[in-house]
């Protein structure tokens, strides 16, 4: 069995509106990840499924 991978490099050329939407999405994802990280360390809960119980409804 061979593991074949294809790597493609692309350059995004968004409109100003699309660029703003992409930036907002990245900021929202980063805020969510920061929240999950804080909760994980506060609750000492690091397993993916268990952590969802503490974070899913908040995100």
PDB file of N, CA and C in Angstrom:
ATOM      1  N   UNK A   1       0.832  -1.183   0.000  1.00  0.00           N
ATOM      2  CA  UNK A   1       0.000   0.000   0.000  1.00  0.00           C
ATOM      3  C   UNK A   1       0.878   1.249   0.000  1.00  0.00           C
ATOM      4  N   UNK A   2       0.545   2.165  -0.863  1.00  0.00           N
ATOM      5  CA  UNK A   2       1.280   3.416  -0.953  1.00  0.00           C
ATOM      6  C   UNK A   2       0.380   4.561  -0.524  1.00  0.00           C
ATOM      7  N   UNK A   3       0.947   5.464   0.212  1.00  0.00           N
ATOM      8  CA  UNK A   3       0.227   6.657   0.630  1.00  0.00           C
ATOM      9  C   UNK A   3       0.579   7.771  -0.352  1.00  0.00           C
ATOM     10  N   UNK A   4      -0.350   8.111  -1.196  1.00  0.00           N
ATOM     11  CA  UNK A   4      -0.110   9.136  -2.206  1.00  0.00           C
ATOM     12  C   UNK A   4      -0.698  10.445  -1.711  1.00  0.00           C
ATOM     13  N   UNK A   5       0.119  11.470  -1.730  1.00  0.00           N
ATOM     14  CA  UNK A   5      -0.337  12.786  -1.297  1.00  0.00           C
ATOM     15  C   UNK A   5      -0.107  13.784  -2.415  1.00  0.00           C
ATOM     16  N   UNK A   6      -1.041  14.659  -2.543  1.00  0.00           N
ATOM     17  CA  UNK A   6      -0.938  15.735  -3.524  1.00  0.00           C
ATOM     18  C   UNK A   6      -0.951  17.047  -2.751  1.00  0.00           C
ATOM     19  N   UNK A   7       0.055  17.838  -2.933  1.00  0.00           N
ATOM     20  CA  UNK A   7       0.148  19.128  -2.258  1.00  0.00           C
ATOM     21  C   UNK A   7      -0.014  20.210  -3.306  1.00  0.00           C
ATOM     22  N   UNK A   8      -0.910  21.127  -3.017  1.00  0.00           N
ATOM     23  CA  UNK A   8      -1.181  22.218  -3.946  1.00  0.00           C
ATOM     24  C   UNK A   8      -1.031  23.533  -3.194  1.00  0.00           C
ATOM     25  N   UNK A   9      -0.339  24.454  -3.781  1.00  0.00           N
ATOM     26  CA  UNK A   9      -0.219  25.780  -3.200  1.00  0.00           C
ATOM     27  C   UNK A   9      -1.095  26.713  -4.014  1.00  0.00           C
ATOM     28  N   UNK A  10      -1.938  27.454  -3.320  1.00  0.00           N
ATOM     29  CA  UNK A  10      -2.847  28.368  -4.011  1.00  0.00           C
ATOM     30  C   UNK A  10      -2.680  29.768  -3.439  1.00  0.00           C
ATOM     31  N   UNK A  11      -3.041  30.729  -4.218  1.00  0.00           N
ATOM     32  CA  UNK A  11      -3.011  32.115  -3.765  1.00  0.00           C
ATOM     33  C   UNK A  11      -4.439  32.638  -3.835  1.00  0.00           C
ATOM     34  N   UNK A  12      -4.933  33.091  -2.678  1.00  0.00           N
ATOM     35  CA  UNK A  12      -6.279  33.647  -2.643  1.00  0.00           C
ATOM     36  C   UNK A  12      -6.245  35.088  -3.125  1.00  0.00           C
ATOM     37  N   UNK A  13      -7.207  35.438  -3.926  1.00  0.00           N
ATOM     38  CA  UNK A  13      -7.354  36.809  -4.399  1.00  0.00           C
ATOM     39  C   UNK A  13      -8.777  37.277  -4.091  1.00  0.00           C
ATOM     40  N   UNK A  14      -9.070  37.452  -2.796  1.00  0.00           N
ATOM     41  CA  UNK A  14     -10.444  37.812  -2.429  1.00  0.00           C
ATOM     42  C   UNK A  14     -10.746  39.277  -2.724  1.00  0.00           C
ATOM     43  N   UNK A  15     -12.021  39.539  -2.897  1.00  0.00           N
ATOM     44  CA  UNK A  15     -12.463  40.931  -2.973  1.00  0.00           C
ATOM     45  C   UNK A  15     -12.291  41.531  -1.577  1.00  0.00           C
ATOM     46  N   UNK A  16     -12.359  42.827  -1.452  1.00  0.00           N
ATOM     47  CA  UNK A  16     -12.258  43.427  -0.112  1.00  0.00           C
ATOM     48  C   UNK A  16     -13.317  42.881   0.859  1.00  0.00           C
ATOM     49  N   UNK A  17     -14.527  42.644   0.373  1.00  0.00           N
ATOM     50  CA  UNK A  17     -15.581  42.104   1.224  1.00  0.00           C
ATOM     51  C   UNK A  17     -15.256  40.669   1.651  1.00  0.00           C
ATOM     52  N   UNK A  18     -14.752  39.873   0.719  1.00  0.00           N
ATOM     53  CA  UNK A  18     -14.373  38.499   1.044  1.00  0.00           C
ATOM     54  C   UNK A  18     -13.199  38.470   2.016  1.00  0.00           C
ATOM     55  N   UNK A  19     -12.250  39.369   1.825  1.00  0.00           N
ATOM     56  CA  UNK A  19     -11.096  39.433   2.725  1.00  0.00           C
ATOM     57  C   UNK A  19     -11.545  39.771   4.144  1.00  0.00           C
ATOM     58  N   UNK A  20     -12.489  40.686   4.262  1.00  0.00           N
ATOM     59  CA  UNK A  20     -13.018  41.049   5.583  1.00  0.00           C
ATOM     60  C   UNK A  20     -13.733  39.860   6.220  1.00  0.00           C
ATOM     61  N   UNK A  21     -14.495  39.123   5.420  1.00  0.00           N
ATOM     62  CA  UNK A  21     -15.200  37.948   5.938  1.00  0.00           C
ATOM     63  C   UNK A  21     -14.212  36.864   6.363  1.00  0.00           C
ATOM     64  N   UNK A  22     -13.172  36.642   5.582  1.00  0.00           N
ATOM     65  CA  UNK A  22     -12.148  35.658   5.948  1.00  0.00           C
ATOM     66  C   UNK A  22     -11.446  36.050   7.240  1.00  0.00           C
ATOM     67  N   UNK A  23     -11.115  37.321   7.369  1.00  0.00           N
ATOM     68  CA  UNK A  23     -10.440  37.797   8.572  1.00  0.00           C
ATOM     69  C   UNK A  23     -11.334  37.637   9.794  1.00  0.00           C
ATOM     70  N   UNK A  24     -12.609  37.970   9.650  1.00  0.00           N
ATOM     71  CA  UNK A  24     -13.549  37.817  10.766  1.00  0.00           C
ATOM     72  C   UNK A  24     -13.696  36.353  11.158  1.00  0.00           C
ATOM     73  N   UNK A  25     -13.710  35.472  10.176  1.00  0.00           N
ATOM     74  CA  UNK A  25     -13.820  34.041  10.447  1.00  0.00           C
ATOM     75  C   UNK A  25     -12.596  33.531  11.205  1.00  0.00           C
ATOM     76  N   UNK A  26     -11.411  33.961  10.784  1.00  0.00           N
ATOM     77  CA  UNK A  26     -10.192  33.549  11.470  1.00  0.00           C
ATOM     78  C   UNK A  26     -10.161  34.058  12.907  1.00  0.00           C
ATOM     79  N   UNK A  27     -10.592  35.284  13.121  1.00  0.00           N
ATOM     80  CA  UNK A  27     -10.624  35.823  14.475  1.00  0.00           C
ATOM     81  C   UNK A  27     -11.613  35.046  15.350  1.00  0.00           C
ATOM     82  N   UNK A  28     -12.764  34.715  14.790  1.00  0.00           N
ATOM     83  CA  UNK A  28     -13.760  33.949  15.550  1.00  0.00           C
ATOM     84  C   UNK A  28     -13.233  32.560  15.888  1.00  0.00           C
ATOM     85  N   UNK A  29     -12.573  31.916  14.950  1.00  0.00           N
ATOM     86  CA  UNK A  29     -12.017  30.588  15.200  1.00  0.00           C
ATOM     87  C   UNK A  29     -10.929  30.648  16.268  1.00  0.00           C
ATOM     88  N   UNK A  30     -10.097  31.682  16.233  1.00  0.00           N
ATOM     89  CA  UNK A  30      -9.055  31.839  17.241  1.00  0.00           C
ATOM     90  C   UNK A  30      -9.642  32.103  18.622  1.00  0.00           C
ATOM     91  N   UNK A  31     -10.692  32.914  18.693  1.00  0.00           N
ATOM     92  CA  UNK A  31     -11.343  33.152  19.987  1.00  0.00           C
ATOM     93  C   UNK A  31     -11.936  31.859  20.534  1.00  0.00           C
ATOM     94  N   UNK A  32     -12.548  31.068  19.668  1.00  0.00           N
ATOM     95  CA  UNK A  32     -13.121  29.789  20.102  1.00  0.00           C
ATOM     96  C   UNK A  32     -12.027  28.851  20.597  1.00  0.00           C
ATOM     97  N   UNK A  33     -10.919  28.779  19.887  1.00  0.00           N
ATOM     98  CA  UNK A  33      -9.818  27.910  20.300  1.00  0.00           C
ATOM     99  C   UNK A  33      -9.234  28.363  21.633  1.00  0.00           C
ATOM    100  N   UNK A  34      -9.109  29.664  21.832  1.00  0.00           N
ATOM    101  CA  UNK A  34      -8.616  30.187  23.104  1.00  0.00           C
ATOM    102  C   UNK A  34      -9.554  29.813  24.253  1.00  0.00           C
ATOM    103  N   UNK A  35     -10.851  29.925  24.013  1.00  0.00           N
ATOM    104  CA  UNK A  35     -11.831  29.559  25.038  1.00  0.00           C
ATOM    105  C   UNK A  35     -11.726  28.079  25.391  1.00  0.00           C
ATOM    106  N   UNK A  36     -11.656  27.236  24.376  1.00  0.00           N
ATOM    107  CA  UNK A  36     -11.538  25.797  24.610  1.00  0.00           C
ATOM    108  C   UNK A  36     -10.269  25.496  25.393  1.00  0.00           C
ATOM    109  N   UNK A  37      -9.189  26.143  25.049  1.00  0.00           N
ATOM    110  CA  UNK A  37      -7.928  25.919  25.750  1.00  0.00           C
ATOM    111  C   UNK A  37      -8.038  26.320  27.223  1.00  0.00           C
ATOM    112  N   UNK A  38      -8.623  27.493  27.478  1.00  0.00           N
ATOM    113  CA  UNK A  38      -8.778  27.940  28.872  1.00  0.00           C
ATOM    114  C   UNK A  38      -9.642  26.964  29.667  1.00  0.00           C
ATOM    115  N   UNK A  39     -10.736  26.527  29.081  1.00  0.00           N
ATOM    116  CA  UNK A  39     -11.626  25.594  29.774  1.00  0.00           C
ATOM    117  C   UNK A  39     -10.929  24.263  30.010  1.00  0.00           C
ATOM    118  N   UNK A  40     -10.193  23.795  29.030  1.00  0.00           N
ATOM    119  CA  UNK A  40      -9.486  22.515  29.168  1.00  0.00           C
ATOM    120  C   UNK A  40      -8.535  22.562  30.360  1.00  0.00           C
ATOM    121  N   UNK A  41      -7.771  23.621  30.486  1.00  0.00           N
ATOM    122  CA  UNK A  41      -6.806  23.703  31.577  1.00  0.00           C
ATOM    123  C   UNK A  41      -7.492  23.962  32.913  1.00  0.00           C
ATOM    124  N   UNK A  42      -8.566  24.753  32.897  1.00  0.00           N
ATOM    125  CA  UNK A  42      -9.300  25.008  34.135  1.00  0.00           C
ATOM    126  C   UNK A  42      -9.962  23.733  34.650  1.00  0.00           C
ATOM    127  N   UNK A  43     -10.592  22.993  33.758  1.00  0.00           N
ATOM    128  CA  UNK A  43     -11.313  21.768  34.130  1.00  0.00           C
ATOM    129  C   UNK A  43     -10.400  20.549  34.203  1.00  0.00           C
ATOM    130  N   UNK A  44      -9.145  20.710  33.751  1.00  0.00           N
ATOM    131  CA  UNK A  44      -8.212  19.574  33.652  1.00  0.00           C
ATOM    132  C   UNK A  44      -8.842  18.460  32.815  1.00  0.00           C
ATOM    133  N   UNK A  45      -9.436  18.846  31.727  1.00  0.00           N
ATOM    134  CA  UNK A  45     -10.144  17.925  30.829  1.00  0.00           C
ATOM    135  C   UNK A  45      -9.523  18.082  29.451  1.00  0.00           C
ATOM    136  N   UNK A  46      -8.874  17.029  28.951  1.00  0.00           N
ATOM    137  CA  UNK A  46      -8.126  17.156  27.707  1.00  0.00           C
ATOM    138  C   UNK A  46      -8.574  16.187  26.608  1.00  0.00           C
ATOM    139  N   UNK A  47      -9.446  15.256  26.927  1.00  0.00           N
ATOM    140  CA  UNK A  47      -9.934  14.335  25.897  1.00  0.00           C
ATOM    141  C   UNK A  47     -10.978  15.050  25.047  1.00  0.00           C
ATOM    142  N   UNK A  48     -10.858  14.904  23.747  1.00  0.00           N
ATOM    143  CA  UNK A  48     -11.699  15.612  22.790  1.00  0.00           C
ATOM    144  C   UNK A  48     -13.187  15.473  23.129  1.00  0.00           C
ATOM    145  N   UNK A  49     -13.664  14.254  23.258  1.00  0.00           N
ATOM    146  CA  UNK A  49     -15.100  14.025  23.482  1.00  0.00           C
ATOM    147  C   UNK A  49     -15.545  14.622  24.815  1.00  0.00           C
ATOM    148  N   UNK A  50     -14.768  14.417  25.867  1.00  0.00           N
ATOM    149  CA  UNK A  50     -15.127  14.967  27.174  1.00  0.00           C
ATOM    150  C   UNK A  50     -15.103  16.487  27.167  1.00  0.00           C
ATOM    151  N   UNK A  51     -14.151  17.053  26.474  1.00  0.00           N
ATOM    152  CA  UNK A  51     -14.038  18.509  26.411  1.00  0.00           C
ATOM    153  C   UNK A  51     -15.234  19.133  25.701  1.00  0.00           C
ATOM    154  N   UNK A  52     -15.789  18.429  24.767  1.00  0.00           N
ATOM    155  CA  UNK A  52     -16.978  18.944  24.064  1.00  0.00           C
ATOM    156  C   UNK A  52     -18.128  19.190  25.036  1.00  0.00           C
ATOM    157  N   UNK A  53     -18.251  18.349  26.053  1.00  0.00           N
ATOM    158  CA  UNK A  53     -19.327  18.517  27.040  1.00  0.00           C
ATOM    159  C   UNK A  53     -19.211  19.868  27.751  1.00  0.00           C
ATOM    160  N   UNK A  54     -17.995  20.346  27.920  1.00  0.00           N
ATOM    161  CA  UNK A  54     -17.764  21.605  28.615  1.00  0.00           C
ATOM    162  C   UNK A  54     -17.795  22.819  27.685  1.00  0.00           C
ATOM    163  N   UNK A  55     -17.610  22.608  26.390  1.00  0.00           N
ATOM    164  CA  UNK A  55     -17.415  23.758  25.508  1.00  0.00           C
ATOM    165  C   UNK A  55     -18.416  23.883  24.370  1.00  0.00           C
ATOM    166  N   UNK A  56     -19.025  22.806  23.935  1.00  0.00           N
ATOM    167  CA  UNK A  56     -19.797  22.821  22.686  1.00  0.00           C
ATOM    168  C   UNK A  56     -20.898  23.877  22.703  1.00  0.00           C
ATOM    169  N   UNK A  57     -21.651  23.934  23.785  1.00  0.00           N
ATOM    170  CA  UNK A  57     -22.774  24.882  23.812  1.00  0.00           C
ATOM    171  C   UNK A  57     -22.309  26.338  23.938  1.00  0.00           C
ATOM    172  N   UNK A  58     -21.115  26.554  24.447  1.00  0.00           N
ATOM    173  CA  UNK A  58     -20.600  27.913  24.625  1.00  0.00           C
ATOM    174  C   UNK A  58     -20.033  28.480  23.336  1.00  0.00           C
ATOM    175  N   UNK A  59     -19.622  27.601  22.447  1.00  0.00           N
ATOM    176  CA  UNK A  59     -19.014  28.077  21.204  1.00  0.00           C
ATOM    177  C   UNK A  59     -20.074  28.217  20.136  1.00  0.00           C
TER     178      UNK A  59
END
